[in-house]
PDB file of N, CA and C in Angstrom:
ATOM      1  N   MET A   1      13.156 -13.393  28.586  1.00  0.00           N
ATOM      2  CA  MET A   1      12.011 -12.704  29.104  1.00  0.00           C
ATOM      3  C   MET A   1      11.091 -13.753  29.738  1.00  0.00           C
ATOM      4  N   PRO A   2      10.949 -13.735  31.055  1.00  0.00           N
ATOM      5  CA  PRO A   2      10.121 -14.727  31.716  1.00  0.00           C
ATOM      6  C   PRO A   2       8.644 -14.516  31.421  1.00  0.00           C
ATOM      7  N   SER A   3       7.924 -15.606  31.507  1.00  0.00           N
ATOM      8  CA  SER A   3       6.491 -15.554  31.256  1.00  0.00           C
ATOM      9  C   SER A   3       5.797 -14.812  32.390  1.00  0.00           C
ATOM     10  N   THR A   4       4.829 -13.987  32.040  1.00  0.00           N
ATOM     11  CA  THR A   4       4.103 -13.242  33.063  1.00  0.00           C
ATOM     12  C   THR A   4       2.909 -14.023  33.586  1.00  0.00           C
ATOM     13  N   ARG A   5       2.553 -15.101  32.925  1.00  0.00           N
ATOM     14  CA  ARG A   5       1.416 -15.903  33.353  1.00  0.00           C
ATOM     15  C   ARG A   5       1.807 -16.737  34.571  1.00  0.00           C
ATOM     16  N   ASN A   6       0.939 -16.748  35.566  1.00  0.00           N
ATOM     17  CA  ASN A   6       1.198 -17.498  36.784  1.00  0.00           C
ATOM     18  C   ASN A   6       0.692 -18.929  36.610  1.00  0.00           C
ATOM     19  N   ARG A   7       1.585 -19.896  36.744  1.00  0.00           N
ATOM     20  CA  ARG A   7       1.226 -21.301  36.530  1.00  0.00           C
ATOM     21  C   ARG A   7       0.898 -22.033  37.824  1.00  0.00           C
ATOM     22  N   LYS A   8       1.097 -21.394  38.967  1.00  0.00           N
ATOM     23  CA  LYS A   8       0.887 -22.093  40.232  1.00  0.00           C
ATOM     24  C   LYS A   8      -0.546 -22.592  40.411  1.00  0.00           C
ATOM     25  N   PRO A   9      -1.582 -21.791  40.127  1.00  0.00           N
ATOM     26  CA  PRO A   9      -2.942 -22.331  40.294  1.00  0.00           C
ATOM     27  C   PRO A   9      -3.231 -23.513  39.370  1.00  0.00           C
ATOM     28  N   ILE A  10      -2.706 -23.459  38.164  1.00  0.00           N
ATOM     29  CA  ILE A  10      -2.933 -24.555  37.220  1.00  0.00           C
ATOM     30  C   ILE A  10      -2.239 -25.823  37.704  1.00  0.00           C
ATOM     31  N   LEU A  11      -1.002 -25.674  38.181  1.00  0.00           N
ATOM     32  CA  LEU A  11      -0.274 -26.840  38.684  1.00  0.00           C
ATOM     33  C   LEU A  11      -0.920 -27.392  39.949  1.00  0.00           C
ATOM     34  N   ALA A  12      -1.443 -26.515  40.803  1.00  0.00           N
ATOM     35  CA  ALA A  12      -2.124 -26.979  42.010  1.00  0.00           C
ATOM     36  C   ALA A  12      -3.370 -27.782  41.641  1.00  0.00           C
ATOM     37  N   LEU A  13      -4.128 -27.287  40.693  1.00  0.00           N
ATOM     38  CA  LEU A  13      -5.314 -28.012  40.236  1.00  0.00           C
ATOM     39  C   LEU A  13      -4.921 -29.353  39.618  1.00  0.00           C
ATOM     40  N   PHE A  14      -3.863 -29.336  38.845  1.00  0.00           N
ATOM     41  CA  PHE A  14      -3.346 -30.554  38.226  1.00  0.00           C
ATOM     42  C   PHE A  14      -2.944 -31.571  39.301  1.00  0.00           C
ATOM     43  N   GLY A  15      -2.286 -31.109  40.356  1.00  0.00           N
ATOM     44  CA  GLY A  15      -1.880 -31.981  41.455  1.00  0.00           C
ATOM     45  C   GLY A  15      -3.065 -32.550  42.212  1.00  0.00           C
ATOM     46  N   VAL A  16      -4.076 -31.708  42.464  1.00  0.00           N
ATOM     47  CA  VAL A  16      -5.269 -32.175  43.175  1.00  0.00           C
ATOM     48  C   VAL A  16      -5.992 -33.241  42.354  1.00  0.00           C
ATOM     49  N   VAL A  17      -6.115 -33.017  41.065  1.00  0.00           N
ATOM     50  CA  VAL A  17      -6.770 -34.001  40.198  1.00  0.00           C
ATOM     51  C   VAL A  17      -5.985 -35.316  40.200  1.00  0.00           C
ATOM     52  N   SER A  18      -4.662 -35.242  40.195  1.00  0.00           N
ATOM     53  CA  SER A  18      -3.840 -36.457  40.225  1.00  0.00           C
ATOM     54  C   SER A  18      -4.049 -37.227  41.521  1.00  0.00           C
ATOM     55  N   VAL A  19      -4.096 -36.517  42.643  1.00  0.00           N
ATOM     56  CA  VAL A  19      -4.306 -37.184  43.930  1.00  0.00           C
ATOM     57  C   VAL A  19      -5.700 -37.811  43.985  1.00  0.00           C
ATOM     58  N   VAL A  20      -6.703 -37.111  43.493  1.00  0.00           N
ATOM     59  CA  VAL A  20      -8.065 -37.661  43.478  1.00  0.00           C
ATOM     60  C   VAL A  20      -8.118 -38.927  42.622  1.00  0.00           C
ATOM     61  N   ILE A  21      -7.437 -38.907  41.487  1.00  0.00           N
ATOM     62  CA  ILE A  21      -7.408 -40.096  40.623  1.00  0.00           C
ATOM     63  C   ILE A  21      -6.728 -41.257  41.339  1.00  0.00           C
ATOM     64  N   LEU A  22      -5.618 -40.986  42.030  1.00  0.00           N
ATOM     65  CA  LEU A  22      -4.932 -42.055  42.761  1.00  0.00           C
ATOM     66  C   LEU A  22      -5.801 -42.613  43.880  1.00  0.00           C
ATOM     67  N   VAL A  23      -6.453 -41.738  44.643  1.00  0.00           N
ATOM     68  CA  VAL A  23      -7.320 -42.202  45.732  1.00  0.00           C
ATOM     69  C   VAL A  23      -8.482 -43.020  45.172  1.00  0.00           C
ATOM     70  N   TYR A  24      -9.075 -42.555  44.097  1.00  0.00           N
ATOM     71  CA  TYR A  24     -10.178 -43.293  43.469  1.00  0.00           C
ATOM     72  C   TYR A  24      -9.711 -44.671  43.010  1.00  0.00           C
ATOM     73  N   SER A  25      -8.524 -44.724  42.401  1.00  0.00           N
ATOM     74  CA  SER A  25      -8.046 -46.010  41.885  1.00  0.00           C
ATOM     75  C   SER A  25      -7.714 -46.986  43.005  1.00  0.00           C
ATOM     76  N   VAL A  26      -7.285 -46.485  44.155  1.00  0.00           N
ATOM     77  CA  VAL A  26      -6.942 -47.384  45.260  1.00  0.00           C
ATOM     78  C   VAL A  26      -8.191 -47.790  46.040  1.00  0.00           C
ATOM     79  N   VAL A  27      -9.055 -46.829  46.353  1.00  0.00           N
ATOM     80  CA  VAL A  27     -10.199 -47.110  47.223  1.00  0.00           C
ATOM     81  C   VAL A  27     -11.352 -47.766  46.465  1.00  0.00           C
ATOM     82  N   ILE A  28     -11.735 -47.217  45.334  1.00  0.00           N
ATOM     83  CA  ILE A  28     -12.927 -47.690  44.634  1.00  0.00           C
ATOM     84  C   ILE A  28     -12.593 -48.849  43.692  1.00  0.00           C
ATOM     85  N   VAL A  29     -11.671 -48.634  42.781  1.00  0.00           N
ATOM     86  CA  VAL A  29     -11.366 -49.631  41.753  1.00  0.00           C
ATOM     87  C   VAL A  29     -10.392 -50.686  42.273  1.00  0.00           C
ATOM     88  N   GLN A  30      -9.584 -50.353  43.238  1.00  0.00           N
ATOM     89  CA  GLN A  30      -8.563 -51.210  43.841  1.00  0.00           C
ATOM     90  C   GLN A  30      -7.535 -51.691  42.818  1.00  0.00           C
ATOM     91  N   GLN A  31      -7.141 -50.788  41.947  1.00  0.00           N
ATOM     92  CA  GLN A  31      -6.070 -51.058  40.986  1.00  0.00           C
ATOM     93  C   GLN A  31      -5.134 -49.849  40.981  1.00  0.00           C
ATOM     94  N   ILE A  32      -4.068 -49.952  41.727  1.00  0.00           N
ATOM     95  CA  ILE A  32      -3.169 -48.812  41.870  1.00  0.00           C
ATOM     96  C   ILE A  32      -2.411 -48.523  40.579  1.00  0.00           C
ATOM     97  N   LEU A  33      -2.113 -49.546  39.794  1.00  0.00           N
ATOM     98  CA  LEU A  33      -1.362 -49.334  38.561  1.00  0.00           C
ATOM     99  C   LEU A  33      -2.154 -48.486  37.573  1.00  0.00           C
ATOM    100  N   LEU A  34      -3.433 -48.732  37.472  1.00  0.00           N
ATOM    101  CA  LEU A  34      -4.279 -47.927  36.589  1.00  0.00           C
ATOM    102  C   LEU A  34      -4.267 -46.462  37.028  1.00  0.00           C
ATOM    103  N   GLY A  35      -4.360 -46.238  38.320  1.00  0.00           N
ATOM    104  CA  GLY A  35      -4.325 -44.870  38.841  1.00  0.00           C
ATOM    105  C   GLY A  35      -2.996 -44.200  38.596  1.00  0.00           C
ATOM    106  N   LEU A  36      -1.914 -44.951  38.756  1.00  0.00           N
ATOM    107  CA  LEU A  36      -0.593 -44.373  38.498  1.00  0.00           C
ATOM    108  C   LEU A  36      -0.436 -43.987  37.036  1.00  0.00           C
ATOM    109  N   ILE A  37      -0.910 -44.849  36.159  1.00  0.00           N
ATOM    110  CA  ILE A  37      -0.797 -44.546  34.726  1.00  0.00           C
ATOM    111  C   ILE A  37      -1.602 -43.303  34.380  1.00  0.00           C
ATOM    112  N   VAL A  38      -2.835 -43.254  34.868  1.00  0.00           N
ATOM    113  CA  VAL A  38      -3.702 -42.118  34.549  1.00  0.00           C
ATOM    114  C   VAL A  38      -3.179 -40.834  35.188  1.00  0.00           C
ATOM    115  N   ALA A  39      -2.568 -40.918  36.368  1.00  0.00           N
ATOM    116  CA  ALA A  39      -2.091 -39.720  37.056  1.00  0.00           C
ATOM    117  C   ALA A  39      -0.703 -39.288  36.591  1.00  0.00           C
ATOM    118  N   VAL A  40       0.134 -40.220  36.161  1.00  0.00           N
ATOM    119  CA  VAL A  40       1.519 -39.885  35.813  1.00  0.00           C
ATOM    120  C   VAL A  40       1.661 -39.455  34.360  1.00  0.00           C
ATOM    121  N   VAL A  41       0.904 -40.037  33.463  1.00  0.00           N
ATOM    122  CA  VAL A  41       1.031 -39.706  32.041  1.00  0.00           C
ATOM    123  C   VAL A  41       0.811 -38.213  31.767  1.00  0.00           C
ATOM    124  N   PRO A  42      -0.213 -37.567  32.338  1.00  0.00           N
ATOM    125  CA  PRO A  42      -0.339 -36.118  32.096  1.00  0.00           C
ATOM    126  C   PRO A  42       0.852 -35.313  32.613  1.00  0.00           C
ATOM    127  N   TRP A  43       1.421 -35.720  33.743  1.00  0.00           N
ATOM    128  CA  TRP A  43       2.602 -35.016  34.258  1.00  0.00           C
ATOM    129  C   TRP A  43       3.785 -35.189  33.312  1.00  0.00           C
ATOM    130  N   LEU A  44       3.954 -36.381  32.764  1.00  0.00           N
ATOM    131  CA  LEU A  44       5.042 -36.599  31.809  1.00  0.00           C
ATOM    132  C   LEU A  44       4.838 -35.766  30.546  1.00  0.00           C
ATOM    133  N   LEU A  45       3.608 -35.672  30.085  1.00  0.00           N
ATOM    134  CA  LEU A  45       3.325 -34.823  28.926  1.00  0.00           C
ATOM    135  C   LEU A  45       3.608 -33.356  29.241  1.00  0.00           C
ATOM    136  N   TYR A  46       3.232 -32.924  30.436  1.00  0.00           N
ATOM    137  CA  TYR A  46       3.502 -31.546  30.853  1.00  0.00           C
ATOM    138  C   TYR A  46       5.008 -31.269  30.870  1.00  0.00           C
ATOM    139  N   LEU A  47       5.775 -32.192  31.441  1.00  0.00           N
ATOM    140  CA  LEU A  47       7.230 -32.010  31.489  1.00  0.00           C
ATOM    141  C   LEU A  47       7.841 -32.014  30.092  1.00  0.00           C
ATOM    142  N   PHE A  48       7.325 -32.845  29.208  1.00  0.00           N
ATOM    143  CA  PHE A  48       7.824 -32.876  27.835  1.00  0.00           C
ATOM    144  C   PHE A  48       7.561 -31.550  27.128  1.00  0.00           C
ATOM    145  N   VAL A  49       6.359 -31.006  27.305  1.00  0.00           N
ATOM    146  CA  VAL A  49       6.032 -29.718  26.680  1.00  0.00           C
ATOM    147  C   VAL A  49       6.919 -28.613  27.241  1.00  0.00           C
ATOM    148  N   ARG A  50       7.137 -28.606  28.550  1.00  0.00           N
ATOM    149  CA  ARG A  50       8.028 -27.603  29.151  1.00  0.00           C
ATOM    150  C   ARG A  50       9.441 -27.730  28.594  1.00  0.00           C
ATOM    151  N   PHE A  51       9.912 -28.970  28.430  1.00  0.00           N
ATOM    152  CA  PHE A  51      11.242 -29.219  27.887  1.00  0.00           C
ATOM    153  C   PHE A  51      11.360 -28.670  26.471  1.00  0.00           C
ATOM    154  N   VAL A  52      10.342 -28.890  25.652  1.00  0.00           N
ATOM    155  CA  VAL A  52      10.361 -28.382  24.276  1.00  0.00           C
ATOM    156  C   VAL A  52      10.386 -26.859  24.270  1.00  0.00           C
ATOM    157  N   PHE A  53       9.578 -26.223  25.124  1.00  0.00           N
ATOM    158  CA  PHE A  53       9.571 -24.760  25.184  1.00  0.00           C
ATOM    159  C   PHE A  53      10.919 -24.212  25.655  1.00  0.00           C
ATOM    160  N   ILE A  54      11.545 -24.896  26.604  1.00  0.00           N
ATOM    161  CA  ILE A  54      12.854 -24.443  27.086  1.00  0.00           C
ATOM    162  C   ILE A  54      13.898 -24.586  25.986  1.00  0.00           C
ATOM    163  N   LEU A  55      13.856 -25.686  25.236  1.00  0.00           N
ATOM    164  CA  LEU A  55      14.790 -25.840  24.119  1.00  0.00           C
ATOM    165  C   LEU A  55      14.575 -24.760  23.066  1.00  0.00           C
ATOM    166  N   GLU A  56      13.333 -24.379  22.849  1.00  0.00           N
ATOM    167  CA  GLU A  56      13.036 -23.318  21.894  1.00  0.00           C
ATOM    168  C   GLU A  56      13.616 -21.986  22.368  1.00  0.00           C
ATOM    169  N   ARG A  57      13.504 -21.704  23.659  1.00  0.00           N
ATOM    170  CA  ARG A  57      14.074 -20.462  24.193  1.00  0.00           C
ATOM    171  C   ARG A  57      15.597 -20.461  24.080  1.00  0.00           C
ATOM    172  N   ILE A  58      16.225 -21.612  24.331  1.00  0.00           N
ATOM    173  CA  ILE A  58      17.681 -21.705  24.212  1.00  0.00           C
ATOM    174  C   ILE A  58      18.103 -21.490  22.769  1.00  0.00           C
ATOM    175  N   ALA A  59      17.394 -22.110  21.834  1.00  0.00           N
ATOM    176  CA  ALA A  59      17.728 -21.948  20.415  1.00  0.00           C
ATOM    177  C   ALA A  59      17.566 -20.501  19.976  1.00  0.00           C
ATOM    178  N   THR A  60      16.521 -19.838  20.435  1.00  0.00           N
ATOM    179  CA  THR A  60      16.311 -18.435  20.087  1.00  0.00           C
ATOM    180  C   THR A  60      17.431 -17.565  20.639  1.00  0.00           C
ATOM    181  N   ALA A  61      17.834 -17.828  21.873  1.00  0.00           N
ATOM    182  CA  ALA A  61      18.919 -17.053  22.473  1.00  0.00           C
ATOM    183  C   ALA A  61      20.230 -17.274  21.727  1.00  0.00           C
ATOM    184  N   LEU A  62      20.496 -18.510  21.317  1.00  0.00           N
ATOM    185  CA  LEU A  62      21.722 -18.782  20.567  1.00  0.00           C
ATOM    186  C   LEU A  62      21.699 -18.116  19.194  1.00  0.00           C
ATOM    187  N   GLU A  63      20.529 -18.073  18.560  1.00  0.00           N
ATOM    188  CA  GLU A  63      20.418 -17.379  17.274  1.00  0.00           C
ATOM    189  C   GLU A  63      20.694 -15.889  17.440  1.00  0.00           C
ATOM    190  N   ARG A  64      20.166 -15.298  18.505  1.00  0.00           N
ATOM    191  CA  ARG A  64      20.423 -13.874  18.763  1.00  0.00           C
ATOM    192  C   ARG A  64      21.907 -13.631  19.009  1.00  0.00           C
ATOM    193  N   LEU A  65      22.535 -14.517  19.757  1.00  0.00           N
ATOM    194  CA  LEU A  65      23.961 -14.380  20.036  1.00  0.00           C
ATOM    195  C   LEU A  65      24.775 -14.499  18.758  1.00  0.00           C
ATOM    196  N   ALA A  66      24.440 -15.457  17.911  1.00  0.00           N
ATOM    197  CA  ALA A  66      25.162 -15.626  16.647  1.00  0.00           C
ATOM    198  C   ALA A  66      24.961 -14.418  15.739  1.00  0.00           C
ATOM    199  N   THR A  67      23.756 -13.876  15.712  1.00  0.00           N
ATOM    200  CA  THR A  67      23.493 -12.688  14.896  1.00  0.00           C
ATOM    201  C   THR A  67      24.286 -11.499  15.405  1.00  0.00           C
ATOM    202  N   ALA A  68      24.336 -11.328  16.718  1.00  0.00           N
ATOM    203  CA  ALA A  68      25.091 -10.214  17.293  1.00  0.00           C
ATOM    204  C   ALA A  68      26.579 -10.354  16.991  1.00  0.00           C
ATOM    205  N   ARG A  69      27.105 -11.559  17.097  1.00  0.00           N
ATOM    206  CA  ARG A  69      28.532 -11.759  16.798  1.00  0.00           C
ATOM    207  C   ARG A  69      28.819 -11.530  15.317  1.00  0.00           C
ATOM    208  N   ALA A  70      27.908 -11.945  14.453  1.00  0.00           N
ATOM    209  CA  ALA A  70      28.105 -11.724  13.021  1.00  0.00           C
ATOM    210  C   ALA A  70      28.088 -10.237  12.706  1.00  0.00           C
ATOM    211  N   GLN A  71      27.211  -9.489  13.343  1.00  0.00           N
ATOM    212  CA  GLN A  71      27.161  -8.046  13.123  1.00  0.00           C
ATOM    213  C   GLN A  71      28.418  -7.370  13.652  1.00  0.00           C
ATOM    214  N   GLU A  72      28.950  -7.855  14.783  1.00  0.00           N
ATOM    215  CA  GLU A  72      30.191  -7.291  15.321  1.00  0.00           C
ATOM    216  C   GLU A  72      31.355  -7.542  14.372  1.00  0.00           C
ATOM    217  N   SER A  73      31.427  -8.747  13.813  1.00  0.00           N
ATOM    218  CA  SER A  73      32.542  -9.054  12.915  1.00  0.00           C
ATOM    219  C   SER A  73      32.418  -8.278  11.610  1.00  0.00           C
ATOM    220  N   GLU A  74      31.196  -8.017  11.151  1.00  0.00           N
ATOM    221  CA  GLU A  74      31.011  -7.214   9.942  1.00  0.00           C
ATOM    222  C   GLU A  74      31.387  -5.761  10.190  1.00  0.00           C
ATOM    223  N   SER A  75      31.085  -5.246  11.372  1.00  0.00           N
ATOM    224  CA  SER A  75      31.391  -3.850  11.661  1.00  0.00           C
ATOM    225  C   SER A  75      32.880  -3.642  11.920  1.00  0.00           C
ATOM    226  N   ALA A  76      33.623  -4.710  12.210  1.00  0.00           N
ATOM    227  CA  ALA A  76      35.056  -4.583  12.470  1.00  0.00           C
ATOM    228  C   ALA A  76      35.840  -4.425  11.179  1.00  0.00           C
ATOM    229  N   GLY A  77      35.240  -4.710  10.057  1.00  0.00           N
ATOM    230  CA  GLY A  77      35.929  -4.565   8.778  1.00  0.00           C
ATOM    231  C   GLY A  77      36.294  -5.907   8.200  1.00  0.00           C
ATOM    232  N   PRO A  78      36.903  -5.892   6.999  1.00  0.00           N
ATOM    233  CA  PRO A  78      37.217  -7.160   6.339  1.00  0.00           C
ATOM    234  C   PRO A  78      38.303  -7.946   7.065  1.00  0.00           C
ATOM    235  N   GLY A  79      39.232  -7.258   7.710  1.00  0.00           N
ATOM    236  CA  GLY A  79      40.309  -7.963   8.395  1.00  0.00           C
ATOM    237  C   GLY A  79      39.921  -8.421   9.774  1.00  0.00           C
ATOM    238  N   GLY A  80      38.838  -7.886  10.292  1.00  0.00           N
ATOM    239  CA  GLY A  80      38.432  -8.239  11.641  1.00  0.00           C
ATOM    240  C   GLY A  80      39.355  -7.585  12.650  1.00  0.00           C
ATOM    241  N   THR A  81      39.227  -7.947  13.871  1.00  0.00           N
ATOM    242  CA  THR A  81      40.103  -7.410  14.908  1.00  0.00           C
ATOM    243  C   THR A  81      41.173  -8.442  15.195  1.00  0.00           C
ATOM    244  N   TYR A  82      42.392  -7.976  15.307  1.00  0.00           N
ATOM    245  CA  TYR A  82      43.497  -8.881  15.583  1.00  0.00           C
ATOM    246  C   TYR A  82      43.555  -9.130  17.075  1.00  0.00           C
ATOM    247  N   GLN A  83      43.628 -10.385  17.439  1.00  0.00           N
ATOM    248  CA  GLN A  83      43.774 -10.735  18.843  1.00  0.00           C
ATOM    249  C   GLN A  83      45.116 -11.407  19.026  1.00  0.00           C
ATOM    250  N   ARG A  84      45.875 -10.873  19.952  1.00  0.00           N
ATOM    251  CA  ARG A  84      47.185 -11.436  20.240  1.00  0.00           C
ATOM    252  C   ARG A  84      47.012 -12.790  20.917  1.00  0.00           C
ATOM    253  N   PRO A  85      47.793 -13.797  20.510  1.00  0.00           N
ATOM    254  CA  PRO A  85      47.677 -15.101  21.162  1.00  0.00           C
ATOM    255  C   PRO A  85      48.075 -15.003  22.631  1.00  0.00           C
ATOM    256  N   SER A  86      47.509 -15.855  23.432  1.00  0.00           N
ATOM    257  CA  SER A  86      47.827 -15.822  24.854  1.00  0.00           C
ATOM    258  C   SER A  86      49.249 -16.327  25.077  1.00  0.00           C
ATOM    259  N   GLU A  87      49.756 -16.093  26.295  1.00  0.00           N
ATOM    260  CA  GLU A  87      51.125 -16.499  26.615  1.00  0.00           C
ATOM    261  C   GLU A  87      51.280 -18.013  26.585  1.00  0.00           C
ATOM    262  N   SER A  88      50.242 -18.734  26.917  1.00  0.00           N
ATOM    263  CA  SER A  88      50.343 -20.191  26.942  1.00  0.00           C
ATOM    264  C   SER A  88      50.313 -20.789  25.538  1.00  0.00           C
ATOM    265  N   TYR A  89      50.055 -19.973  24.522  1.00  0.00           N
ATOM    266  CA  TYR A  89      49.975 -20.472  23.153  1.00  0.00           C
ATOM    267  C   TYR A  89      51.310 -21.036  22.700  1.00  0.00           C
ATOM    268  N   GLU A  90      52.417 -20.382  23.040  1.00  0.00           N
ATOM    269  CA  GLU A  90      53.730 -20.815  22.567  1.00  0.00           C
ATOM    270  C   GLU A  90      54.475 -21.677  23.569  1.00  0.00           C
ATOM    271  N   ARG A  91      53.886 -22.050  24.664  1.00  0.00           N
ATOM    272  CA  ARG A  91      54.580 -22.859  25.662  1.00  0.00           C
ATOM    273  C   ARG A  91      54.935 -24.240  25.145  1.00  0.00           C
ATOM    274  N   GLY A  92      54.084 -24.811  24.311  1.00  0.00           N
ATOM    275  CA  GLY A  92      54.326 -26.161  23.823  1.00  0.00           C
ATOM    276  C   GLY A  92      55.418 -26.227  22.772  1.00  0.00           C
ATOM    277  N   THR A  93      55.799 -25.106  22.173  1.00  0.00           N
ATOM    278  CA  THR A  93      56.824 -25.120  21.132  1.00  0.00           C
ATOM    279  C   THR A  93      58.196 -24.954  21.764  1.00  0.00           C
ATOM    280  N   GLU A  94      59.160 -25.625  21.180  1.00  0.00           N
ATOM    281  CA  GLU A  94      60.524 -25.520  21.700  1.00  0.00           C
ATOM    282  C   GLU A  94      61.270 -24.411  20.979  1.00  0.00           C
ATOM    283  N   SER A  95      62.152 -23.766  21.708  1.00  0.00           N
ATOM    284  CA  SER A  95      63.003 -22.765  21.069  1.00  0.00           C
ATOM    285  C   SER A  95      64.168 -23.491  20.403  1.00  0.00           C
ATOM    286  N   GLU A  96      64.946 -22.749  19.650  1.00  0.00           N
ATOM    287  CA  GLU A  96      66.079 -23.380  18.963  1.00  0.00           C
ATOM    288  C   GLU A  96      67.046 -23.963  19.976  1.00  0.00           C
ATOM    289  N   GLY A  97      67.509 -25.138  19.700  1.00  0.00           N
ATOM    290  CA  GLY A  97      68.488 -25.769  20.571  1.00  0.00           C
ATOM    291  C   GLY A  97      67.846 -26.699  21.572  1.00  0.00           C
ATOM    292  N   GLY A  98      66.770 -26.306  22.165  1.00  0.00           N
ATOM    293  CA  GLY A  98      66.088 -27.152  23.129  1.00  0.00           C
ATOM    294  C   GLY A  98      66.891 -27.302  24.405  1.00  0.00           C
ATOM    295  N   VAL A  99      66.628 -28.348  25.144  1.00  0.00           N
ATOM    296  CA  VAL A  99      67.258 -28.581  26.436  1.00  0.00           C
ATOM    297  C   VAL A  99      68.677 -29.103  26.256  1.00  0.00           C
ATOM    298  N   GLU A 100      68.940 -29.776  25.146  1.00  0.00           N
ATOM    299  CA  GLU A 100      70.246 -30.400  24.959  1.00  0.00           C
ATOM    300  C   GLU A 100      71.374 -29.373  24.924  1.00  0.00           C
ATOM    301  N   ASN A 101      71.110 -28.174  24.453  1.00  0.00           N
ATOM    302  CA  ASN A 101      72.167 -27.182  24.303  1.00  0.00           C
ATOM    303  C   ASN A 101      72.398 -26.353  25.556  1.00  0.00           C
ATOM    304  N   GLU A 102      71.672 -26.565  26.595  1.00  0.00           N
ATOM    305  CA  GLU A 102      71.853 -25.732  27.788  1.00  0.00           C
ATOM    306  C   GLU A 102      72.984 -26.206  28.637  1.00  0.00           C
TER     307      GLU A 102
END
């Protein structure tokens, strides 16, 4: 379920503040490294928080999937559903006699 909150104005404001900090650090203070640190650190924190929220959404989705699969296996009964092995399952096994007897 995507977030209904619009983040574009907040990110635009964040970007404008970063540019103002960089311009101030170059023109007034004349130390570009200080401006880069002050302007980049908040962006890195923002990306870290977004990463944590995305991992939380992935974990929640995986929990829902595991719960749904567990409920399906419980509703199938104690024996579960039998699935026939695929045709490639027995390809690696040799039949009696092998190639030597042909």
